[in-house]
C-alpha atoms as a PDB file:
ATOM      1  CA  MET A   1     -77.838 -62.056  31.481  1.00  0.00           C
ATOM      2  CA  CYS A   2     -79.927 -59.599  34.222  1.00  0.00           C
ATOM      3  CA  GLY A   3     -82.807 -57.753  33.481  1.00  0.00           C
ATOM      4  CA  ASN A   4     -84.582 -57.099  30.811  1.00  0.00           C
ATOM      5  CA  ASN A   5     -82.606 -56.619  27.224  1.00  0.00           C
ATOM      6  CA  MET A   6     -85.698 -56.057  25.321  1.00  0.00           C
ATOM      7  CA  SER A   7     -85.169 -52.246  26.480  1.00  0.00           C
ATOM      8  CA  VAL A   8     -81.831 -51.802  24.898  1.00  0.00           C
ATOM      9  CA  PRO A   9     -82.213 -53.210  21.343  1.00  0.00           C
ATOM     10  CA  LEU A  10     -78.563 -53.899  20.824  1.00  0.00           C
ATOM     11  CA  LEU A  11     -78.767 -56.123  23.720  1.00  0.00           C
ATOM     12  CA  ALA A  12     -80.930 -58.199  22.178  1.00  0.00           C
ATOM     13  CA  GLU A  13     -78.857 -59.263  19.391  1.00  0.00           C
ATOM     14  CA  ALA A  14     -75.540 -58.879  21.455  1.00  0.00           C
ATOM     15  CA  VAL A  15     -73.578 -61.695  21.957  1.00  0.00           C
ATOM     16  CA  THR A  16     -72.884 -61.902  25.743  1.00  0.00           C
ATOM     17  CA  VAL A  17     -70.100 -64.194  27.532  1.00  0.00           C
ATOM     18  CA  SER A  18     -71.064 -64.619  31.335  1.00  0.00           C
ATOM     19  CA  GLY A  19     -68.764 -64.646  34.237  1.00  0.00           C
ATOM     20  CA  THR A  20     -68.157 -67.871  35.999  1.00  0.00           C
ATOM     21  CA  GLU A  21     -68.033 -66.174  39.297  1.00  0.00           C
ATOM     22  CA  LYS A  22     -70.234 -62.867  40.691  1.00  0.00           C
ATOM     23  CA  GLU A  23     -70.214 -60.687  37.795  1.00  0.00           C
ATOM     24  CA  THR A  24     -68.452 -57.063  39.019  1.00  0.00           C
ATOM     25  CA  ALA A  25     -67.424 -55.536  35.601  1.00  0.00           C
ATOM     26  CA  ALA A  26     -68.441 -55.658  32.070  1.00  0.00           C
ATOM     27  CA  VAL A  27     -66.180 -55.228  28.942  1.00  0.00           C
ATOM     28  CA  ILE A  28     -68.474 -54.150  25.988  1.00  0.00           C
ATOM     29  CA  PHE A  29     -66.267 -54.541  22.640  1.00  0.00           C
ATOM     30  CA  LEU A  30     -67.313 -53.032  19.269  1.00  0.00           C
ATOM     31  CA  HIS A  31     -66.478 -54.491  16.205  1.00  0.00           C
ATOM     32  CA  GLY A  32     -65.481 -52.839  12.777  1.00  0.00           C
ATOM     33  CA  LEU A  33     -66.669 -52.365   9.549  1.00  0.00           C
ATOM     34  CA  GLY A  34     -68.602 -55.267   7.858  1.00  0.00           C
ATOM     35  CA  ASP A  35     -67.763 -57.312  11.005  1.00  0.00           C
ATOM     36  CA  SER A  36     -70.154 -58.711  13.616  1.00  0.00           C
ATOM     37  CA  GLY A  37     -69.824 -59.437  17.321  1.00  0.00           C
ATOM     38  CA  HIS A  38     -68.895 -62.945  17.022  1.00  0.00           C
ATOM     39  CA  GLY A  39     -65.733 -63.455  15.995  1.00  0.00           C
ATOM     40  CA  TRP A  40     -64.702 -61.554  19.092  1.00  0.00           C
ATOM     41  CA  ALA A  41     -66.253 -63.109  21.530  1.00  0.00           C
ATOM     42  CA  ASP A  42     -64.260 -66.434  20.319  1.00  0.00           C
ATOM     43  CA  ALA A  43     -60.846 -64.488  21.117  1.00  0.00           C
ATOM     44  CA  MET A  44     -61.664 -62.776  23.766  1.00  0.00           C
ATOM     45  CA  THR A  45     -63.294 -66.031  25.710  1.00  0.00           C
ATOM     46  CA  ALA A  46     -60.293 -67.692  25.683  1.00  0.00           C
ATOM     47  CA  ILE A  47     -58.789 -64.864  27.807  1.00  0.00           C
ATOM     48  CA  ARG A  48     -61.775 -63.780  29.854  1.00  0.00           C
ATOM     49  CA  LEU A  49     -61.824 -62.998  33.843  1.00  0.00           C
ATOM     50  CA  PRO A  50     -64.275 -65.299  35.961  1.00  0.00           C
ATOM     51  CA  HIS A  51     -66.084 -61.729  37.420  1.00  0.00           C
ATOM     52  CA  VAL A  52     -66.278 -59.889  34.044  1.00  0.00           C
ATOM     53  CA  LYS A  53     -69.149 -59.920  31.885  1.00  0.00           C
ATOM     54  CA  TYR A  54     -68.192 -59.365  28.093  1.00  0.00           C
ATOM     55  CA  ILE A  55     -70.878 -58.205  25.538  1.00  0.00           C
ATOM     56  CA  PHE A  56     -70.071 -58.132  21.784  1.00  0.00           C
ATOM     57  CA  CYS A  57     -72.480 -55.838  20.532  1.00  0.00           C
ATOM     58  CA  PRO A  58     -73.854 -56.439  16.945  1.00  0.00           C
ATOM     59  CA  PHE A  59     -74.373 -53.582  14.580  1.00  0.00           C
ATOM     60  CA  LEU A  60     -78.133 -51.619  15.626  1.00  0.00           C
ATOM     61  CA  GLU A  61     -79.078 -51.360  11.521  1.00  0.00           C
ATOM     62  CA  PRO A  62     -79.566 -54.849   9.603  1.00  0.00           C
ATOM     63  CA  ARG A  63     -76.934 -53.159   7.293  1.00  0.00           C
ATOM     64  CA  ILE A  64     -76.439 -49.751   5.934  1.00  0.00           C
ATOM     65  CA  PRO A  65     -74.791 -48.352   2.683  1.00  0.00           C
ATOM     66  CA  VAL A  66     -71.610 -47.215   3.682  1.00  0.00           C
ATOM     67  CA  THR A  67     -70.506 -44.206   0.981  1.00  0.00           C
ATOM     68  CA  LEU A  68     -66.459 -45.301   1.070  1.00  0.00           C
ATOM     69  CA  ASN A  69     -67.265 -48.592  -0.155  1.00  0.00           C
ATOM     70  CA  MET A  70     -69.535 -46.907  -3.342  1.00  0.00           C
ATOM     71  CA  LYS A  71     -72.448 -47.147  -1.361  1.00  0.00           C
ATOM     72  CA  MET A  72     -72.141 -51.204  -1.009  1.00  0.00           C
ATOM     73  CA  THR A  73     -74.477 -52.340   2.048  1.00  0.00           C
ATOM     74  CA  MET A  74     -72.528 -53.892   5.062  1.00  0.00           C
ATOM     75  CA  PRO A  75     -72.807 -53.979   8.995  1.00  0.00           C
ATOM     76  CA  SER A  76     -71.977 -50.383   9.982  1.00  0.00           C
ATOM     77  CA  TRP A  77     -72.064 -48.708  13.182  1.00  0.00           C
ATOM     78  CA  PHE A  78     -72.314 -45.324  10.729  1.00  0.00           C
ATOM     79  CA  ASP A  79     -71.581 -44.169   7.155  1.00  0.00           C
ATOM     80  CA  LEU A  80     -68.083 -43.581   6.473  1.00  0.00           C
ATOM     81  CA  MET A  81     -67.352 -40.544   3.478  1.00  0.00           C
ATOM     82  CA  GLY A  82     -63.776 -40.492   3.450  1.00  0.00           C
ATOM     83  CA  LEU A  83     -60.345 -41.404   4.605  1.00  0.00           C
ATOM     84  CA  SER A  84     -59.118 -38.018   5.313  1.00  0.00           C
ATOM     85  CA  PRO A  85     -59.228 -36.260   8.545  1.00  0.00           C
ATOM     86  CA  ASP A  86     -60.935 -33.353   6.962  1.00  0.00           C
ATOM     87  CA  SER A  87     -63.782 -35.725   5.039  1.00  0.00           C
ATOM     88  CA  PRO A  88     -67.473 -34.953   5.580  1.00  0.00           C
ATOM     89  CA  GLU A  89     -68.455 -37.358   8.743  1.00  0.00           C
ATOM     90  CA  ASP A  90     -71.934 -39.081   9.689  1.00  0.00           C
ATOM     91  CA  GLU A  91     -72.553 -37.132  12.656  1.00  0.00           C
ATOM     92  CA  ALA A  92     -76.251 -37.649  13.503  1.00  0.00           C
ATOM     93  CA  GLY A  93     -75.263 -41.301  12.816  1.00  0.00           C
ATOM     94  CA  ILE A  94     -72.253 -41.326  14.783  1.00  0.00           C
ATOM     95  CA  LYS A  95     -74.249 -39.383  17.656  1.00  0.00           C
ATOM     96  CA  ARG A  96     -76.806 -42.108  17.358  1.00  0.00           C
ATOM     97  CA  ALA A  97     -74.743 -45.106  17.597  1.00  0.00           C
ATOM     98  CA  ALA A  98     -73.107 -43.476  20.671  1.00  0.00           C
ATOM     99  CA  GLU A  99     -76.150 -43.199  22.682  1.00  0.00           C
ATOM    100  CA  ASN A 100     -76.943 -46.833  21.799  1.00  0.00           C
ATOM    101  CA  ILE A 101     -73.667 -47.766  23.497  1.00  0.00           C
ATOM    102  CA  LYS A 102     -74.430 -45.465  26.340  1.00  0.00           C
ATOM    103  CA  ALA A 103     -77.894 -47.606  26.789  1.00  0.00           C
ATOM    104  CA  ILE A 104     -76.101 -50.484  27.534  1.00  0.00           C
ATOM    105  CA  ILE A 105     -73.628 -49.044  30.119  1.00  0.00           C
ATOM    106  CA  ASP A 106     -77.144 -47.655  31.986  1.00  0.00           C
ATOM    107  CA  HIS A 107     -78.446 -50.826  31.640  1.00  0.00           C
ATOM    108  CA  GLU A 108     -75.214 -52.447  33.365  1.00  0.00           C
ATOM    109  CA  ALA A 109     -75.823 -49.950  35.969  1.00  0.00           C
ATOM    110  CA  LYS A 110     -79.308 -50.742  36.578  1.00  0.00           C
ATOM    111  CA  ASN A 111     -78.346 -54.546  37.154  1.00  0.00           C
ATOM    112  CA  GLY A 112     -75.623 -53.980  39.339  1.00  0.00           C
ATOM    113  CA  ILE A 113     -72.371 -53.281  37.485  1.00  0.00           C
ATOM    114  CA  PRO A 114     -71.335 -49.600  37.898  1.00  0.00           C
ATOM    115  CA  ALA A 115     -70.008 -47.353  34.788  1.00  0.00           C
ATOM    116  CA  ASN A 116     -66.625 -47.069  36.807  1.00  0.00           C
ATOM    117  CA  ARG A 117     -66.462 -51.186  36.398  1.00  0.00           C
ATOM    118  CA  VAL A 118     -67.335 -51.027  32.761  1.00  0.00           C
ATOM    119  CA  LEU A 119     -64.430 -51.150  30.008  1.00  0.00           C
ATOM    120  CA  LEU A 120     -65.726 -50.097  26.202  1.00  0.00           C
ATOM    121  CA  GLY A 121     -63.508 -51.455  23.859  1.00  0.00           C
ATOM    122  CA  GLY A 122     -63.600 -51.496  20.075  1.00  0.00           C
ATOM    123  CA  PHE A 123     -61.595 -52.697  17.072  1.00  0.00           C
ATOM    124  CA  SER A 124     -61.455 -50.175  13.872  1.00  0.00           C
ATOM    125  CA  GLN A 125     -65.150 -48.507  13.346  1.00  0.00           C
ATOM    126  CA  GLY A 126     -65.889 -50.172  16.913  1.00  0.00           C
ATOM    127  CA  GLY A 127     -62.433 -48.540  18.487  1.00  0.00           C
ATOM    128  CA  ALA A 128     -63.785 -45.224  16.921  1.00  0.00           C
ATOM    129  CA  LEU A 129     -66.951 -45.519  18.411  1.00  0.00           C
ATOM    130  CA  SER A 130     -65.551 -46.410  21.861  1.00  0.00           C
ATOM    131  CA  LEU A 131     -63.604 -43.806  21.609  1.00  0.00           C
ATOM    132  CA  TYR A 132     -66.184 -41.070  20.812  1.00  0.00           C
ATOM    133  CA  THR A 133     -68.565 -42.664  23.279  1.00  0.00           C
ATOM    134  CA  ALA A 134     -66.208 -42.825  25.939  1.00  0.00           C
ATOM    135  CA  LEU A 135     -65.107 -39.289  25.569  1.00  0.00           C
ATOM    136  CA  THR A 136     -68.962 -37.811  25.451  1.00  0.00           C
ATOM    137  CA  CYS A 137     -70.231 -40.108  28.189  1.00  0.00           C
ATOM    138  CA  GLN A 138     -71.347 -38.535  31.725  1.00  0.00           C
ATOM    139  CA  GLN A 139     -70.470 -41.260  33.635  1.00  0.00           C
ATOM    140  CA  GLN A 140     -66.670 -41.941  34.667  1.00  0.00           C
ATOM    141  CA  LEU A 141     -66.041 -45.384  32.603  1.00  0.00           C
ATOM    142  CA  ALA A 142     -63.389 -47.906  33.885  1.00  0.00           C
ATOM    143  CA  GLY A 143     -61.599 -47.281  30.484  1.00  0.00           C
ATOM    144  CA  VAL A 144     -61.519 -47.592  27.168  1.00  0.00           C
ATOM    145  CA  VAL A 145     -59.727 -49.580  24.299  1.00  0.00           C
ATOM    146  CA  ALA A 146     -59.437 -48.168  20.655  1.00  0.00           C
ATOM    147  CA  LEU A 147     -57.544 -50.514  18.443  1.00  0.00           C
ATOM    148  CA  SER A 148     -56.486 -49.146  15.092  1.00  0.00           C
ATOM    149  CA  CYS A 149     -58.883 -46.673  14.881  1.00  0.00           C
ATOM    150  CA  TRP A 150     -59.486 -42.411  14.886  1.00  0.00           C
ATOM    151  CA  LEU A 151     -61.240 -40.084  16.628  1.00  0.00           C
ATOM    152  CA  PRO A 152     -64.773 -39.252  15.140  1.00  0.00           C
ATOM    153  CA  LEU A 153     -66.126 -35.573  15.227  1.00  0.00           C
ATOM    154  CA  HIS A 154     -62.655 -34.717  15.959  1.00  0.00           C
ATOM    155  CA  LYS A 155     -63.268 -31.239  15.348  1.00  0.00           C
ATOM    156  CA  SER A 156     -65.759 -30.840  18.277  1.00  0.00           C
ATOM    157  CA  PHE A 157     -63.138 -31.836  20.694  1.00  0.00           C
ATOM    158  CA  PRO A 158     -60.497 -28.664  20.842  1.00  0.00           C
ATOM    159  CA  GLN A 159     -58.473 -29.784  23.828  1.00  0.00           C
ATOM    160  CA  VAL A 160     -57.487 -32.966  21.358  1.00  0.00           C
ATOM    161  CA  HIS A 161     -54.056 -31.699  19.664  1.00  0.00           C
ATOM    162  CA  LEU A 162     -52.739 -34.696  17.628  1.00  0.00           C
ATOM    163  CA  HIS A 163     -49.855 -34.257  15.446  1.00  0.00           C
ATOM    164  CA  ARG A 164     -51.188 -33.875  11.733  1.00  0.00           C
ATOM    165  CA  SER A 165     -48.771 -36.811  10.385  1.00  0.00           C
ATOM    166  CA  LEU A 166     -50.693 -39.041  12.882  1.00  0.00           C
ATOM    167  CA  LEU A 167     -54.111 -37.899  11.670  1.00  0.00           C
ATOM    168  CA  SER A 168     -53.318 -38.686   8.043  1.00  0.00           C
ATOM    169  CA  SER A 169     -52.414 -42.476   8.328  1.00  0.00           C
ATOM    170  CA  PRO A 170     -54.767 -44.399   6.090  1.00  0.00           C
ATOM    171  CA  ARG A 171     -57.754 -45.779   8.067  1.00  0.00           C
ATOM    172  CA  ASP A 172     -57.194 -49.533   6.594  1.00  0.00           C
ATOM    173  CA  GLY A 173     -56.543 -51.516   9.772  1.00  0.00           C
ATOM    174  CA  SER A 174     -52.975 -51.652   9.218  1.00  0.00           C
ATOM    175  CA  GLY A 175     -51.910 -50.827  12.847  1.00  0.00           C
ATOM    176  CA  GLU A 176     -49.645 -48.276  11.192  1.00  0.00           C
ATOM    177  CA  GLY A 177     -49.906 -44.920  12.916  1.00  0.00           C
ATOM    178  CA  ILE A 178     -53.615 -43.540  15.041  1.00  0.00           C
ATOM    179  CA  HIS A 179     -56.301 -43.865  12.256  1.00  0.00           C
END
């Protein structure tokens, strides 16, 4: 990996799969609740493109108590307080996590991969954070892939009109509807 990773805390612990040719693009992929970047790295390595750097981010906090899971301590990007679209949300935690991901995007740009060549993606809670980060990022990204997730702080996006039945699906990773 190019540059000093210590200036971006998530990169110090990230699993990075380098391209086999000159890297001109990057995929930043975020894991779901209770997971890590290691399992995703193995799966994505099998389909990697030679000019793309893949960054599989771990959680920044070692482990945090998750309200939804009876305050059990586990890898989590931010606290989850409920499954309903009307449940309270960890606004400070979501915004802090998004800023950490934006720091990685900035780091890649400083090292030669512009934001418009960065694809941000994730699964479940990581997908939710990817979607929120992409929608609040000042730079235009190459795209976002948000798998089996929901839009955190959805009330702060009045331009997003989702049908109520889509929002009411459980966030259990079952792949049924929008979570």
